[in-house]
PDB file of N, CA and C in Angstrom:
ATOM      1  N   UNK A   1      35.496 -74.471  84.485  1.00  0.00           N
ATOM      2  CA  UNK A   1      36.664 -75.067  83.881  1.00  0.00           C
ATOM      3  C   UNK A   1      36.226 -76.375  83.230  1.00  0.00           C
ATOM      4  N   UNK A   2      36.522 -76.565  81.977  1.00  0.00           N
ATOM      5  CA  UNK A   2      36.041 -77.684  81.184  1.00  0.00           C
ATOM      6  C   UNK A   2      36.617 -79.037  81.547  1.00  0.00           C
ATOM      7  N   UNK A   3      35.957 -80.067  81.051  1.00  0.00           N
ATOM      8  CA  UNK A   3      36.283 -81.466  81.356  1.00  0.00           C
ATOM      9  C   UNK A   3      37.716 -81.848  80.990  1.00  0.00           C
ATOM     10  N   UNK A   4      38.245 -81.351  79.910  1.00  0.00           N
ATOM     11  CA  UNK A   4      39.594 -81.725  79.474  1.00  0.00           C
ATOM     12  C   UNK A   4      40.665 -80.727  79.909  1.00  0.00           C
ATOM     13  N   UNK A   5      40.305 -79.836  80.827  1.00  0.00           N
ATOM     14  CA  UNK A   5      41.229 -78.801  81.285  1.00  0.00           C
ATOM     15  C   UNK A   5      42.091 -79.297  82.442  1.00  0.00           C
ATOM     16  N   UNK A   6      43.337 -78.805  82.482  1.00  0.00           N
ATOM     17  CA  UNK A   6      44.265 -79.048  83.588  1.00  0.00           C
ATOM     18  C   UNK A   6      44.769 -77.694  84.042  1.00  0.00           C
ATOM     19  N   UNK A   7      44.661 -77.429  85.355  1.00  0.00           N
ATOM     20  CA  UNK A   7      45.058 -76.133  85.880  1.00  0.00           C
ATOM     21  C   UNK A   7      45.816 -76.325  87.189  1.00  0.00           C
ATOM     22  N   UNK A   8      46.919 -75.617  87.337  1.00  0.00           N
ATOM     23  CA  UNK A   8      47.677 -75.618  88.586  1.00  0.00           C
ATOM     24  C   UNK A   8      47.722 -74.185  89.091  1.00  0.00           C
ATOM     25  N   UNK A   9      47.238 -73.986  90.305  1.00  0.00           N
ATOM     26  CA  UNK A   9      47.199 -72.652  90.905  1.00  0.00           C
ATOM     27  C   UNK A   9      45.929 -72.490  91.716  1.00  0.00           C
ATOM     28  N   UNK A  10      45.819 -71.378  92.409  1.00  0.00           N
ATOM     29  CA  UNK A  10      44.676 -71.111  93.259  1.00  0.00           C
ATOM     30  C   UNK A  10      43.630 -70.285  92.524  1.00  0.00           C
ATOM     31  N   UNK A  11      42.358 -70.516  92.883  1.00  0.00           N
ATOM     32  CA  UNK A  11      41.253 -69.751  92.319  1.00  0.00           C
ATOM     33  C   UNK A  11      40.568 -69.027  93.470  1.00  0.00           C
ATOM     34  N   UNK A  12      40.426 -67.703  93.339  1.00  0.00           N
ATOM     35  CA  UNK A  12      39.725 -66.907  94.337  1.00  0.00           C
ATOM     36  C   UNK A  12      38.792 -65.969  93.589  1.00  0.00           C
ATOM     37  N   UNK A  13      37.472 -66.111  93.829  1.00  0.00           N
ATOM     38  CA  UNK A  13      36.513 -65.318  93.089  1.00  0.00           C
ATOM     39  C   UNK A  13      35.213 -65.167  93.863  1.00  0.00           C
ATOM     40  N   UNK A  14      34.430 -64.189  93.498  1.00  0.00           N
ATOM     41  CA  UNK A  14      33.066 -64.049  93.999  1.00  0.00           C
ATOM     42  C   UNK A  14      32.162 -64.833  93.047  1.00  0.00           C
ATOM     43  N   UNK A  15      31.038 -65.276  93.533  1.00  0.00           N
ATOM     44  CA  UNK A  15      30.106 -65.997  92.687  1.00  0.00           C
ATOM     45  C   UNK A  15      30.359 -67.490  92.725  1.00  0.00           C
ATOM     46  N   UNK A  16      29.944 -68.164  91.656  1.00  0.00           N
ATOM     47  CA  UNK A  16      29.996 -69.624  91.576  1.00  0.00           C
ATOM     48  C   UNK A  16      31.103 -70.082  90.638  1.00  0.00           C
ATOM     49  N   UNK A  17      31.815 -71.135  91.056  1.00  0.00           N
ATOM     50  CA  UNK A  17      32.843 -71.753  90.224  1.00  0.00           C
ATOM     51  C   UNK A  17      32.420 -73.192  89.961  1.00  0.00           C
ATOM     52  N   UNK A  18      32.462 -73.608  88.688  1.00  0.00           N
ATOM     53  CA  UNK A  18      32.195 -75.000  88.346  1.00  0.00           C
ATOM     54  C   UNK A  18      33.461 -75.588  87.745  1.00  0.00           C
ATOM     55  N   UNK A  19      33.860 -76.752  88.282  1.00  0.00           N
ATOM     56  CA  UNK A  19      35.066 -77.432  87.804  1.00  0.00           C
ATOM     57  C   UNK A  19      34.654 -78.800  87.266  1.00  0.00           C
ATOM     58  N   UNK A  20      35.061 -79.088  86.035  1.00  0.00           N
ATOM     59  CA  UNK A  20      34.813 -80.402  85.444  1.00  0.00           C
ATOM     60  C   UNK A  20      36.110 -81.075  85.035  1.00  0.00           C
ATOM     61  N   UNK A  21      37.242 -80.414  85.229  1.00  0.00           N
ATOM     62  CA  UNK A  21      38.539 -80.958  84.845  1.00  0.00           C
ATOM     63  C   UNK A  21      39.423 -81.199  86.052  1.00  0.00           C
ATOM     64  N   UNK A  22      40.741 -81.131  85.855  1.00  0.00           N
ATOM     65  CA  UNK A  22      41.724 -81.368  86.910  1.00  0.00           C
ATOM     66  C   UNK A  22      42.255 -80.037  87.427  1.00  0.00           C
ATOM     67  N   UNK A  23      42.269 -79.887  88.745  1.00  0.00           N
ATOM     68  CA  UNK A  23      42.804 -78.683  89.369  1.00  0.00           C
ATOM     69  C   UNK A  23      43.701 -79.081  90.523  1.00  0.00           C
ATOM     70  N   UNK A  24      44.925 -78.564  90.514  1.00  0.00           N
ATOM     71  CA  UNK A  24      45.816 -78.720  91.650  1.00  0.00           C
ATOM     72  C   UNK A  24      46.013 -77.334  92.243  1.00  0.00           C
ATOM     73  N   UNK A  25      45.298 -77.085  93.343  1.00  0.00           N
ATOM     74  CA  UNK A  25      45.335 -75.779  93.988  1.00  0.00           C
ATOM     75  C   UNK A  25      44.100 -75.599  94.844  1.00  0.00           C
ATOM     76  N   UNK A  26      44.032 -74.484  95.523  1.00  0.00           N
ATOM     77  CA  UNK A  26      42.926 -74.192  96.421  1.00  0.00           C
ATOM     78  C   UNK A  26      41.879 -73.332  95.734  1.00  0.00           C
ATOM     79  N   UNK A  27      40.635 -73.445  96.224  1.00  0.00           N
ATOM     80  CA  UNK A  27      39.532 -72.655  95.679  1.00  0.00           C
ATOM     81  C   UNK A  27      38.865 -71.897  96.814  1.00  0.00           C
ATOM     82  N   UNK A  28      38.616 -70.600  96.568  1.00  0.00           N
ATOM     83  CA  UNK A  28      37.821 -69.796  97.487  1.00  0.00           C
ATOM     84  C   UNK A  28      36.800 -69.052  96.651  1.00  0.00           C
ATOM     85  N   UNK A  29      35.500 -69.329  96.907  1.00  0.00           N
ATOM     86  CA  UNK A  29      34.417 -68.717  96.140  1.00  0.00           C
ATOM     87  C   UNK A  29      33.154 -68.740  96.985  1.00  0.00           C
ATOM     88  N   UNK A  30      32.086 -68.122  96.464  1.00  0.00           N
ATOM     89  CA  UNK A  30      30.811 -68.188  97.176  1.00  0.00           C
ATOM     90  C   UNK A  30      30.245 -69.611  97.112  1.00  0.00           C
ATOM     91  N   UNK A  31      30.194 -70.166  95.918  1.00  0.00           N
ATOM     92  CA  UNK A  31      29.710 -71.538  95.710  1.00  0.00           C
ATOM     93  C   UNK A  31      30.678 -72.265  94.794  1.00  0.00           C
ATOM     94  N   UNK A  32      30.908 -73.551  95.077  1.00  0.00           N
ATOM     95  CA  UNK A  32      31.788 -74.370  94.252  1.00  0.00           C
ATOM     96  C   UNK A  32      31.036 -75.634  93.865  1.00  0.00           C
ATOM     97  N   UNK A  33      31.012 -75.916  92.557  1.00  0.00           N
ATOM     98  CA  UNK A  33      30.371 -77.122  92.041  1.00  0.00           C
ATOM     99  C   UNK A  33      31.439 -77.958  91.352  1.00  0.00           C
ATOM    100  N   UNK A  34      31.616 -79.182  91.834  1.00  0.00           N
ATOM    101  CA  UNK A  34      32.550 -80.116  91.206  1.00  0.00           C
ATOM    102  C   UNK A  34      31.727 -81.130  90.422  1.00  0.00           C
ATOM    103  N   UNK A  35      31.862 -81.099  89.092  1.00  0.00           N
ATOM    104  CA  UNK A  35      31.144 -82.037  88.241  1.00  0.00           C
ATOM    105  C   UNK A  35      31.676 -83.455  88.398  1.00  0.00           C
ATOM    106  N   UNK A  36      30.997 -84.424  87.786  1.00  0.00           N
ATOM    107  CA  UNK A  36      31.377 -85.834  87.903  1.00  0.00           C
ATOM    108  C   UNK A  36      32.785 -86.119  87.406  1.00  0.00           C
ATOM    109  N   UNK A  37      33.294 -85.343  86.458  1.00  0.00           N
ATOM    110  CA  UNK A  37      34.637 -85.555  85.899  1.00  0.00           C
ATOM    111  C   UNK A  37      35.710 -84.753  86.631  1.00  0.00           C
ATOM    112  N   UNK A  38      35.319 -83.981  87.645  1.00  0.00           N
ATOM    113  CA  UNK A  38      36.275 -83.148  88.375  1.00  0.00           C
ATOM    114  C   UNK A  38      37.241 -83.996  89.190  1.00  0.00           C
ATOM    115  N   UNK A  39      38.487 -83.534  89.245  1.00  0.00           N
ATOM    116  CA  UNK A  39      39.519 -84.165  90.077  1.00  0.00           C
ATOM    117  C   UNK A  39      40.340 -83.028  90.676  1.00  0.00           C
ATOM    118  N   UNK A  40      40.168 -82.809  91.986  1.00  0.00           N
ATOM    119  CA  UNK A  40      40.770 -81.668  92.661  1.00  0.00           C
ATOM    120  C   UNK A  40      41.775 -82.154  93.694  1.00  0.00           C
ATOM    121  N   UNK A  41      42.931 -81.510  93.736  1.00  0.00           N
ATOM    122  CA  UNK A  41      43.915 -81.733  94.794  1.00  0.00           C
ATOM    123  C   UNK A  41      44.177 -80.382  95.437  1.00  0.00           C
ATOM    124  N   UNK A  42      43.441 -80.099  96.504  1.00  0.00           N
ATOM    125  CA  UNK A  42      43.551 -78.817  97.185  1.00  0.00           C
ATOM    126  C   UNK A  42      42.372 -78.620  98.111  1.00  0.00           C
ATOM    127  N   UNK A  43      42.358 -77.508  98.805  1.00  0.00           N
ATOM    128  CA  UNK A  43      41.305 -77.193  99.768  1.00  0.00           C
ATOM    129  C   UNK A  43      40.281 -76.252  99.155  1.00  0.00           C
ATOM    130  N   UNK A  44      39.051 -76.308  99.693  1.00  0.00           N
ATOM    131  CA  UNK A  44      37.983 -75.432  99.214  1.00  0.00           C
ATOM    132  C   UNK A  44      37.366 -74.704 100.401  1.00  0.00           C
ATOM    133  N   UNK A  45      37.186 -73.395 100.238  1.00  0.00           N
ATOM    134  CA  UNK A  45      36.472 -72.571 101.209  1.00  0.00           C
ATOM    135  C   UNK A  45      35.353 -71.860 100.456  1.00  0.00           C
ATOM    136  N   UNK A  46      34.095 -72.049 100.914  1.00  0.00           N
ATOM    137  CA  UNK A  46      32.952 -71.460 100.224  1.00  0.00           C
ATOM    138  C   UNK A  46      31.735 -71.434 101.143  1.00  0.00           C
ATOM    139  N   UNK A  47      30.685 -70.773 100.686  1.00  0.00           N
ATOM    140  CA  UNK A  47      29.401 -70.847 101.400  1.00  0.00           C
ATOM    141  C   UNK A  47      28.798 -72.223 101.219  1.00  0.00           C
ATOM    142  N   UNK A  48      28.848 -72.735  99.987  1.00  0.00           N
ATOM    143  CA  UNK A  48      28.291 -74.044  99.685  1.00  0.00           C
ATOM    144  C   UNK A  48      29.152 -74.780  98.684  1.00  0.00           C
ATOM    145  N   UNK A  49      29.217 -76.112  98.839  1.00  0.00           N
ATOM    146  CA  UNK A  49      30.046 -76.940  97.959  1.00  0.00           C
ATOM    147  C   UNK A  49      29.238 -78.156  97.546  1.00  0.00           C
ATOM    148  N   UNK A  50      29.177 -78.407  96.236  1.00  0.00           N
ATOM    149  CA  UNK A  50      28.530 -79.599  95.691  1.00  0.00           C
ATOM    150  C   UNK A  50      29.633 -80.466  95.094  1.00  0.00           C
ATOM    151  N   UNK A  51      29.721 -81.725  95.558  1.00  0.00           N
ATOM    152  CA  UNK A  51      30.787 -82.620  95.121  1.00  0.00           C
ATOM    153  C   UNK A  51      30.190 -83.748  94.285  1.00  0.00           C
ATOM    154  N   UNK A  52      30.468 -83.696  92.976  1.00  0.00           N
ATOM    155  CA  UNK A  52      30.040 -84.760  92.076  1.00  0.00           C
ATOM    156  C   UNK A  52      31.213 -85.576  91.585  1.00  0.00           C
ATOM    157  N   UNK A  53      32.430 -85.088  91.794  1.00  0.00           N
ATOM    158  CA  UNK A  53      33.655 -85.759  91.352  1.00  0.00           C
ATOM    159  C   UNK A  53      34.535 -86.111  92.536  1.00  0.00           C
ATOM    160  N   UNK A  54      35.859 -86.020  92.337  1.00  0.00           N
ATOM    161  CA  UNK A  54      36.812 -86.418  93.378  1.00  0.00           C
ATOM    162  C   UNK A  54      37.574 -85.203  93.886  1.00  0.00           C
ATOM    163  N   UNK A  55      37.813 -85.203  95.205  1.00  0.00           N
ATOM    164  CA  UNK A  55      38.645 -84.164  95.794  1.00  0.00           C
ATOM    165  C   UNK A  55      39.511 -84.758  96.892  1.00  0.00           C
ATOM    166  N   UNK A  56      40.798 -84.401  96.834  1.00  0.00           N
ATOM    167  CA  UNK A  56      41.740 -84.722  97.909  1.00  0.00           C
ATOM    168  C   UNK A  56      42.099 -83.406  98.563  1.00  0.00           C
ATOM    169  N   UNK A  57      41.462 -83.132  99.693  1.00  0.00           N
ATOM    170  CA  UNK A  57      41.698 -81.879 100.395  1.00  0.00           C
ATOM    171  C   UNK A  57      40.592 -81.628 101.393  1.00  0.00           C
ATOM    172  N   UNK A  58      40.735 -80.562 102.149  1.00  0.00           N
ATOM    173  CA  UNK A  58      39.759 -80.218 103.178  1.00  0.00           C
ATOM    174  C   UNK A  58      38.743 -79.234 102.641  1.00  0.00           C
ATOM    175  N   UNK A  59      37.508 -79.322 103.157  1.00  0.00           N
ATOM    176  CA  UNK A  59      36.418 -78.459 102.732  1.00  0.00           C
ATOM    177  C   UNK A  59      35.899 -77.674 103.921  1.00  0.00           C
ATOM    178  N   UNK A  60      35.726 -76.369 103.738  1.00  0.00           N
ATOM    179  CA  UNK A  60      35.097 -75.511 104.727  1.00  0.00           C
ATOM    180  C   UNK A  60      33.942 -74.804 104.032  1.00  0.00           C
ATOM    181  N   UNK A  61      32.715 -75.162 104.416  1.00  0.00           N
ATOM    182  CA  UNK A  61      31.524 -74.558 103.823  1.00  0.00           C
ATOM    183  C   UNK A  61      30.668 -73.984 104.943  1.00  0.00           C
ATOM    184  N   UNK A  62      30.457 -72.694 104.920  1.00  0.00           N
ATOM    185  CA  UNK A  62      29.687 -72.052 105.978  1.00  0.00           C
ATOM    186  C   UNK A  62      28.238 -72.528 105.995  1.00  0.00           C
ATOM    187  N   UNK A  63      27.704 -72.931 104.829  1.00  0.00           N
ATOM    188  CA  UNK A  63      26.301 -73.352 104.777  1.00  0.00           C
ATOM    189  C   UNK A  63      26.141 -74.858 104.576  1.00  0.00           C
ATOM    190  N   UNK A  64      26.634 -75.395 103.449  1.00  0.00           N
ATOM    191  CA  UNK A  64      26.319 -76.789 103.136  1.00  0.00           C
ATOM    192  C   UNK A  64      27.398 -77.447 102.277  1.00  0.00           C
ATOM    193  N   UNK A  65      27.612 -78.742 102.517  1.00  0.00           N
ATOM    194  CA  UNK A  65      28.374 -79.611 101.620  1.00  0.00           C
ATOM    195  C   UNK A  65      27.415 -80.695 101.166  1.00  0.00           C
ATOM    196  N   UNK A  66      27.260 -80.845  99.857  1.00  0.00           N
ATOM    197  CA  UNK A  66      26.333 -81.813  99.252  1.00  0.00           C
ATOM    198  C   UNK A  66      27.154 -82.775  98.394  1.00  0.00           C
ATOM    199  N   UNK A  67      27.218 -84.048  98.820  1.00  0.00           N
ATOM    200  CA  UNK A  67      27.999 -85.060  98.106  1.00  0.00           C
ATOM    201  C   UNK A  67      27.039 -85.900  97.255  1.00  0.00           C
ATOM    202  N   UNK A  68      27.235 -85.866  95.953  1.00  0.00           N
ATOM    203  CA  UNK A  68      26.389 -86.611  95.020  1.00  0.00           C
ATOM    204  C   UNK A  68      26.850 -88.071  94.924  1.00  0.00           C
ATOM    205  N   UNK A  69      26.112 -88.882  94.168  1.00  0.00           N
ATOM    206  CA  UNK A  69      26.360 -90.330  94.093  1.00  0.00           C
ATOM    207  C   UNK A  69      27.766 -90.675  93.612  1.00  0.00           C
ATOM    208  N   UNK A  70      28.354 -89.867  92.725  1.00  0.00           N
ATOM    209  CA  UNK A  70      29.698 -90.137  92.202  1.00  0.00           C
ATOM    210  C   UNK A  70      30.773 -89.391  92.983  1.00  0.00           C
ATOM    211  N   UNK A  71      30.384 -88.633  93.997  1.00  0.00           N
ATOM    212  CA  UNK A  71      31.318 -87.806  94.748  1.00  0.00           C
ATOM    213  C   UNK A  71      32.205 -88.603  95.686  1.00  0.00           C
ATOM    214  N   UNK A  72      33.503 -88.254  95.711  1.00  0.00           N
ATOM    215  CA  UNK A  72      34.468 -88.897  96.603  1.00  0.00           C
ATOM    216  C   UNK A  72      35.308 -87.800  97.252  1.00  0.00           C
ATOM    217  N   UNK A  73      35.273 -87.743  98.591  1.00  0.00           N
ATOM    218  CA  UNK A  73      36.060 -86.760  99.338  1.00  0.00           C
ATOM    219  C   UNK A  73      37.080 -87.497 100.183  1.00  0.00           C
ATOM    220  N   UNK A  74      38.351 -87.143 100.017  1.00  0.00           N
ATOM    221  CA  UNK A  74      39.432 -87.647 100.872  1.00  0.00           C
ATOM    222  C   UNK A  74      39.992 -86.445 101.617  1.00  0.00           C
ATOM    223  N   UNK A  75      39.412 -86.178 102.775  1.00  0.00           N
ATOM    224  CA  UNK A  75      39.805 -85.015 103.564  1.00  0.00           C
ATOM    225  C   UNK A  75      38.743 -84.718 104.592  1.00  0.00           C
ATOM    226  N   UNK A  76      38.988 -83.693 105.376  1.00  0.00           N
ATOM    227  CA  UNK A  76      38.074 -83.322 106.450  1.00  0.00           C
ATOM    228  C   UNK A  76      37.138 -82.204 106.003  1.00  0.00           C
ATOM    229  N   UNK A  77      35.952 -82.184 106.637  1.00  0.00           N
ATOM    230  CA  UNK A  77      34.909 -81.225 106.285  1.00  0.00           C
ATOM    231  C   UNK A  77      34.480 -80.464 107.527  1.00  0.00           C
ATOM    232  N   UNK A  78      34.327 -79.140 107.383  1.00  0.00           N
ATOM    233  CA  UNK A  78      33.675 -78.304 108.386  1.00  0.00           C
ATOM    234  C   UNK A  78      32.531 -77.602 107.679  1.00  0.00           C
ATOM    235  N   UNK A  79      31.307 -77.782 108.189  1.00  0.00           N
ATOM    236  CA  UNK A  79      30.153 -77.222 107.504  1.00  0.00           C
ATOM    237  C   UNK A  79      28.973 -77.056 108.443  1.00  0.00           C
ATOM    238  N   UNK A  80      27.986 -76.290 107.991  1.00  0.00           N
ATOM    239  CA  UNK A  80      26.748 -76.126 108.738  1.00  0.00           C
ATOM    240  C   UNK A  80      25.789 -77.273 108.495  1.00  0.00           C
ATOM    241  N   UNK A  81      25.739 -77.771 107.255  1.00  0.00           N
ATOM    242  CA  UNK A  81      24.876 -78.901 106.883  1.00  0.00           C
ATOM    243  C   UNK A  81      25.686 -79.848 106.007  1.00  0.00           C
ATOM    244  N   UNK A  82      25.451 -81.145 106.167  1.00  0.00           N
ATOM    245  CA  UNK A  82      26.175 -82.152 105.397  1.00  0.00           C
ATOM    246  C   UNK A  82      25.184 -83.138 104.809  1.00  0.00           C
ATOM    247  N   UNK A  83      25.176 -83.246 103.480  1.00  0.00           N
ATOM    248  CA  UNK A  83      24.264 -84.145 102.770  1.00  0.00           C
ATOM    249  C   UNK A  83      25.071 -85.124 101.933  1.00  0.00           C
ATOM    250  N   UNK A  84      24.686 -86.411 101.983  1.00  0.00           N
ATOM    251  CA  UNK A  84      25.348 -87.427 101.164  1.00  0.00           C
ATOM    252  C   UNK A  84      24.285 -88.286 100.500  1.00  0.00           C
ATOM    253  N   UNK A  85      24.337 -88.375  99.189  1.00  0.00           N
ATOM    254  CA  UNK A  85      23.454 -89.264  98.438  1.00  0.00           C
ATOM    255  C   UNK A  85      24.066 -90.657  98.464  1.00  0.00           C
ATOM    256  N   UNK A  86      23.235 -91.686  98.417  1.00  0.00           N
ATOM    257  CA  UNK A  86      23.736 -93.064  98.391  1.00  0.00           C
ATOM    258  C   UNK A  86      24.762 -93.225  97.277  1.00  0.00           C
ATOM    259  N   UNK A  87      25.927 -93.760  97.621  1.00  0.00           N
ATOM    260  CA  UNK A  87      27.020 -93.924  96.667  1.00  0.00           C
ATOM    261  C   UNK A  87      28.132 -92.911  96.890  1.00  0.00           C
ATOM    262  N   UNK A  88      27.818 -91.781  97.522  1.00  0.00           N
ATOM    263  CA  UNK A  88      28.836 -90.778  97.840  1.00  0.00           C
ATOM    264  C   UNK A  88      29.793 -91.321  98.895  1.00  0.00           C
ATOM    265  N   UNK A  89      31.070 -90.921  98.814  1.00  0.00           N
ATOM    266  CA  UNK A  89      32.099 -91.469  99.703  1.00  0.00           C
ATOM    267  C   UNK A  89      32.819 -90.339 100.431  1.00  0.00           C
ATOM    268  N   UNK A  90      33.049 -90.551 101.737  1.00  0.00           N
ATOM    269  CA  UNK A  90      33.858 -89.636 102.531  1.00  0.00           C
ATOM    270  C   UNK A  90      34.909 -90.434 103.266  1.00  0.00           C
ATOM    271  N   UNK A  91      36.170 -90.122 103.003  1.00  0.00           N
ATOM    272  CA  UNK A  91      37.295 -90.680 103.745  1.00  0.00           C
ATOM    273  C   UNK A  91      37.896 -89.539 104.545  1.00  0.00           C
ATOM    274  N   UNK A  92      37.341 -89.292 105.719  1.00  0.00           N
ATOM    275  CA  UNK A  92      37.774 -88.182 106.548  1.00  0.00           C
ATOM    276  C   UNK A  92      36.787 -87.949 107.671  1.00  0.00           C
ATOM    277  N   UNK A  93      36.853 -86.779 108.267  1.00  0.00           N
ATOM    278  CA  UNK A  93      35.991 -86.436 109.389  1.00  0.00           C
ATOM    279  C   UNK A  93      35.102 -85.251 109.034  1.00  0.00           C
ATOM    280  N   UNK A  94      33.950 -85.187 109.708  1.00  0.00           N
ATOM    281  CA  UNK A  94      33.039 -84.062 109.540  1.00  0.00           C
ATOM    282  C   UNK A  94      32.881 -83.354 110.874  1.00  0.00           C
ATOM    283  N   UNK A  95      33.058 -82.042 110.872  1.00  0.00           N
ATOM    284  CA  UNK A  95      32.794 -81.208 112.045  1.00  0.00           C
ATOM    285  C   UNK A  95      31.679 -80.241 111.669  1.00  0.00           C
ATOM    286  N   UNK A  96      30.654 -80.221 112.502  1.00  0.00           N
ATOM    287  CA  UNK A  96      29.520 -79.348 112.220  1.00  0.00           C
ATOM    288  C   UNK A  96      29.757 -77.978 112.847  1.00  0.00           C
ATOM    289  N   UNK A  97      29.621 -76.939 112.029  1.00  0.00           N
ATOM    290  CA  UNK A  97      29.736 -75.576 112.524  1.00  0.00           C
ATOM    291  C   UNK A  97      28.460 -75.217 113.273  1.00  0.00           C
ATOM    292  N   UNK A  98      28.584 -74.465 114.335  1.00  0.00           N
ATOM    293  CA  UNK A  98      27.401 -74.042 115.073  1.00  0.00           C
ATOM    294  C   UNK A  98      27.230 -72.547 114.907  1.00  0.00           C
ATOM    295  N   UNK A  99      25.998 -72.134 114.894  1.00  0.00           N
ATOM    296  CA  UNK A  99      25.657 -70.722 114.778  1.00  0.00           C
ATOM    297  C   UNK A  99      25.024 -70.310 116.096  1.00  0.00           C
ATOM    298  N   UNK A 100      25.707 -69.483 116.851  1.00  0.00           N
ATOM    299  CA  UNK A 100      25.227 -69.092 118.183  1.00  0.00           C
ATOM    300  C   UNK A 100      23.858 -68.435 118.137  1.00  0.00           C
ATOM    301  N   UNK A 101      23.469 -67.847 117.000  1.00  0.00           N
ATOM    302  CA  UNK A 101      22.158 -67.199 116.921  1.00  0.00           C
ATOM    303  C   UNK A 101      21.030 -68.216 116.850  1.00  0.00           C
ATOM    304  N   UNK A 102      21.327 -69.478 116.542  1.00  0.00           N
ATOM    305  CA  UNK A 102      20.295 -70.505 116.456  1.00  0.00           C
ATOM    306  C   UNK A 102      20.161 -71.328 117.737  1.00  0.00           C
ATOM    307  N   UNK A 103      20.908 -70.994 118.755  1.00  0.00           N
ATOM    308  CA  UNK A 103      20.856 -71.752 119.996  1.00  0.00           C
ATOM    309  C   UNK A 103      19.659 -71.281 120.815  1.00  0.00           C
ATOM    310  N   UNK A 104      18.850 -72.232 121.247  1.00  0.00           N
ATOM    311  CA  UNK A 104      17.662 -71.932 122.038  1.00  0.00           C
ATOM    312  C   UNK A 104      17.880 -72.470 123.440  1.00  0.00           C
ATOM    313  N   UNK A 105      17.745 -71.615 124.429  1.00  0.00           N
ATOM    314  CA  UNK A 105      17.889 -72.027 125.827  1.00  0.00           C
ATOM    315  C   UNK A 105      16.529 -72.504 126.317  1.00  0.00           C
ATOM    316  N   UNK A 106      16.472 -73.715 126.890  1.00  0.00           N
ATOM    317  CA  UNK A 106      15.246 -74.236 127.476  1.00  0.00           C
ATOM    318  C   UNK A 106      15.264 -73.975 128.965  1.00  0.00           C
ATOM    319  N   UNK A 107      14.142 -73.518 129.469  1.00  0.00           N
ATOM    320  CA  UNK A 107      14.048 -73.279 130.902  1.00  0.00           C
ATOM    321  C   UNK A 107      13.368 -74.478 131.544  1.00  0.00           C
ATOM    322  N   UNK A 108      13.878 -74.878 132.701  1.00  0.00           N
ATOM    323  CA  UNK A 108      13.272 -75.987 133.435  1.00  0.00           C
ATOM    324  C   UNK A 108      12.030 -75.497 134.144  1.00  0.00           C
ATOM    325  N   UNK A 109      11.007 -76.348 134.136  1.00  0.00           N
ATOM    326  CA  UNK A 109       9.791 -76.015 134.879  1.00  0.00           C
ATOM    327  C   UNK A 109      10.014 -76.271 136.344  1.00  0.00           C
ATOM    328  N   UNK A 110       9.520 -75.412 137.178  1.00  0.00           N
ATOM    329  CA  UNK A 110       9.651 -75.592 138.623  1.00  0.00           C
ATOM    330  C   UNK A 110       8.837 -76.773 139.107  1.00  0.00           C
ATOM    331  N   UNK A 111       9.334 -77.462 140.120  1.00  0.00           N
ATOM    332  CA  UNK A 111       8.604 -78.630 140.657  1.00  0.00           C
ATOM    333  C   UNK A 111       7.890 -78.299 141.924  1.00  0.00           C
TER     334      UNK A 111
END
């Protein structure tokens, strides 16, 4: 969606969505990229989310949320990995998702 675009409604698609304009609504996709000019008011559910612009809403990313230097998030995040470049802003909470298949049990050595 282009820089000068304004859209109201939800987006649900397979693949990658790039937003550079204004969107009021929710997004569900495999990957979501918010460019520096993006301004989103809604929630995002995806495998991965790159935030270069502004979003007011909650993010759920099964793999990663990557906040770039111009990125501003006002909302809560649930993700497997969380990356923030210097200058990126988060006004909210982060909850890390756990993958039970990656849990390693340590055995105590006998004394």
